[in-house]
Amino acid sequence: MYAKQVVIENKTGLHARPASDFTALAKKFKSKVYIQNMDEEGSCKANAKSIIMLITQGLAQGVTAEISAEGEDEKEAVEELVALVQSKFGEE
């Protein structure tokens, strides 16, 4: 298991288009990929390859998310997804 935390910086958070971009990238990896809202007490890890599960995490601007993966390409998956979030999904 490899995990890293990142702050959601784009103004709209992980709404429909960024969530779609995020899940599309997550699906490219063989590892199981998860995302969790670290600012919400009682939040559970969600399957990052499911847009519905991703949107239910409530990942708005300023929220800290933990991206984790488990499998043969776990580190690459986490690093690329963190980089995508840090790029603000090209919105700014």
Protein backbone atom coordinates (compact mmCIF):
# COMPACT_ATOMS: atom_id res chain seq x y z
CA MET A 1 0.00 0.00 0.00
CA TYR A 2 1.30 3.41 -0.99
CA ALA A 3 -0.48 6.62 0.01
CA LYS A 4 -0.02 10.36 -0.23
CA GLN A 5 -2.07 13.35 0.85
CA VAL A 6 -2.86 16.33 -1.36
CA VAL A 7 -4.94 19.49 -0.96
CA ILE A 8 -7.62 20.11 -3.58
CA GLU A 9 -6.66 23.51 -5.01
CA ASN A 10 -8.89 24.09 -8.02
CA LYS A 11 -11.83 26.42 -7.35
CA THR A 12 -14.55 23.91 -8.21
CA GLY A 13 -13.08 20.90 -6.41
CA LEU A 14 -13.67 17.45 -7.85
CA HIS A 15 -16.94 18.20 -9.63
CA ALA A 16 -18.05 16.32 -12.75
CA ARG A 17 -15.25 17.06 -15.27
CA PRO A 18 -12.27 16.82 -12.89
CA ALA A 19 -13.82 13.73 -11.32
CA SER A 20 -14.14 12.19 -14.77
CA ASP A 21 -10.49 13.00 -15.55
CA PHE A 22 -9.41 11.56 -12.19
CA THR A 23 -11.30 8.27 -12.60
CA ALA A 24 -10.11 7.91 -16.21
CA LEU A 25 -6.50 8.16 -15.06
CA ALA A 26 -7.10 5.84 -12.09
CA LYS A 27 -8.54 3.18 -14.42
CA LYS A 28 -5.26 3.05 -16.36
CA PHE A 29 -3.55 1.33 -13.43
CA LYS A 30 -3.77 -2.32 -12.44
CA SER A 31 -3.64 -1.47 -8.72
CA LYS A 32 -6.72 -0.88 -6.61
CA VAL A 33 -6.91 2.89 -6.16
CA TYR A 34 -8.69 4.71 -3.34
CA ILE A 35 -9.40 8.29 -2.32
CA GLN A 36 -10.52 9.57 1.06
CA ASN A 37 -11.64 12.97 2.36
CA MET A 38 -9.31 13.51 5.33
CA ASP A 39 -11.20 16.60 6.54
CA GLU A 40 -14.48 14.76 7.07
CA GLU A 41 -14.67 12.78 10.29
CA GLY A 42 -15.76 9.19 9.69
CA SER A 43 -14.97 9.34 5.98
CA CYS A 44 -14.16 5.97 4.41
CA LYS A 45 -11.90 5.17 1.51
CA ALA A 46 -13.73 5.20 -1.82
CA ASN A 47 -12.93 3.38 -5.03
CA ALA A 48 -11.19 6.06 -7.11
CA LYS A 49 -12.11 4.23 -10.31
CA SER A 50 -15.82 4.96 -9.68
CA ILE A 51 -16.97 8.48 -10.51
CA ILE A 52 -20.02 8.08 -8.25
CA MET A 53 -17.89 7.05 -5.28
CA LEU A 54 -15.44 9.87 -6.00
CA ILE A 55 -18.12 12.56 -6.12
CA THR A 56 -19.68 11.35 -2.85
CA GLN A 57 -16.41 12.17 -1.07
CA GLY A 58 -17.26 15.90 -1.20
CA LEU A 59 -13.81 16.98 -2.29
CA ALA A 60 -14.17 20.76 -2.52
CA GLN A 61 -11.45 23.40 -2.75
CA GLY A 62 -9.22 23.37 0.33
CA VAL A 63 -10.04 19.80 1.36
CA THR A 64 -7.19 17.38 2.05
CA ALA A 65 -7.55 14.08 0.24
CA GLU A 66 -5.54 10.92 0.69
CA ILE A 67 -4.89 8.97 -2.47
CA SER A 68 -3.76 5.41 -1.92
CA ALA A 69 -3.17 2.38 -4.08
CA GLU A 70 -2.41 -1.28 -3.60
CA GLY A 71 -0.88 -3.43 -6.30
CA GLU A 72 1.97 -3.76 -8.74
CA ASP A 73 1.91 -0.15 -9.97
CA GLU A 74 0.72 1.48 -6.72
CA LYS A 75 3.43 4.12 -6.44
CA GLU A 76 3.10 5.24 -10.05
CA ALA A 77 -0.70 5.43 -9.68
CA VAL A 78 -0.57 7.60 -6.56
CA GLU A 79 2.14 9.88 -7.90
CA GLU A 80 0.34 10.50 -11.21
CA LEU A 81 -3.02 11.12 -9.52
CA VAL A 82 -1.44 13.53 -7.02
CA ALA A 83 0.20 15.36 -9.92
CA LEU A 84 -3.18 15.61 -11.66
CA VAL A 85 -4.76 17.15 -8.55
CA GLN A 86 -1.83 19.53 -8.14
CA SER A 87 -2.23 20.64 -11.78
CA LYS A 88 -5.69 21.95 -10.78
CA PHE A 89 -7.07 19.90 -13.67
CA GLY A 90 -6.02 22.68 -16.06
CA GLU A 91 -8.72 24.99 -14.72
CA GLU A 92 -6.42 27.89 -13.83
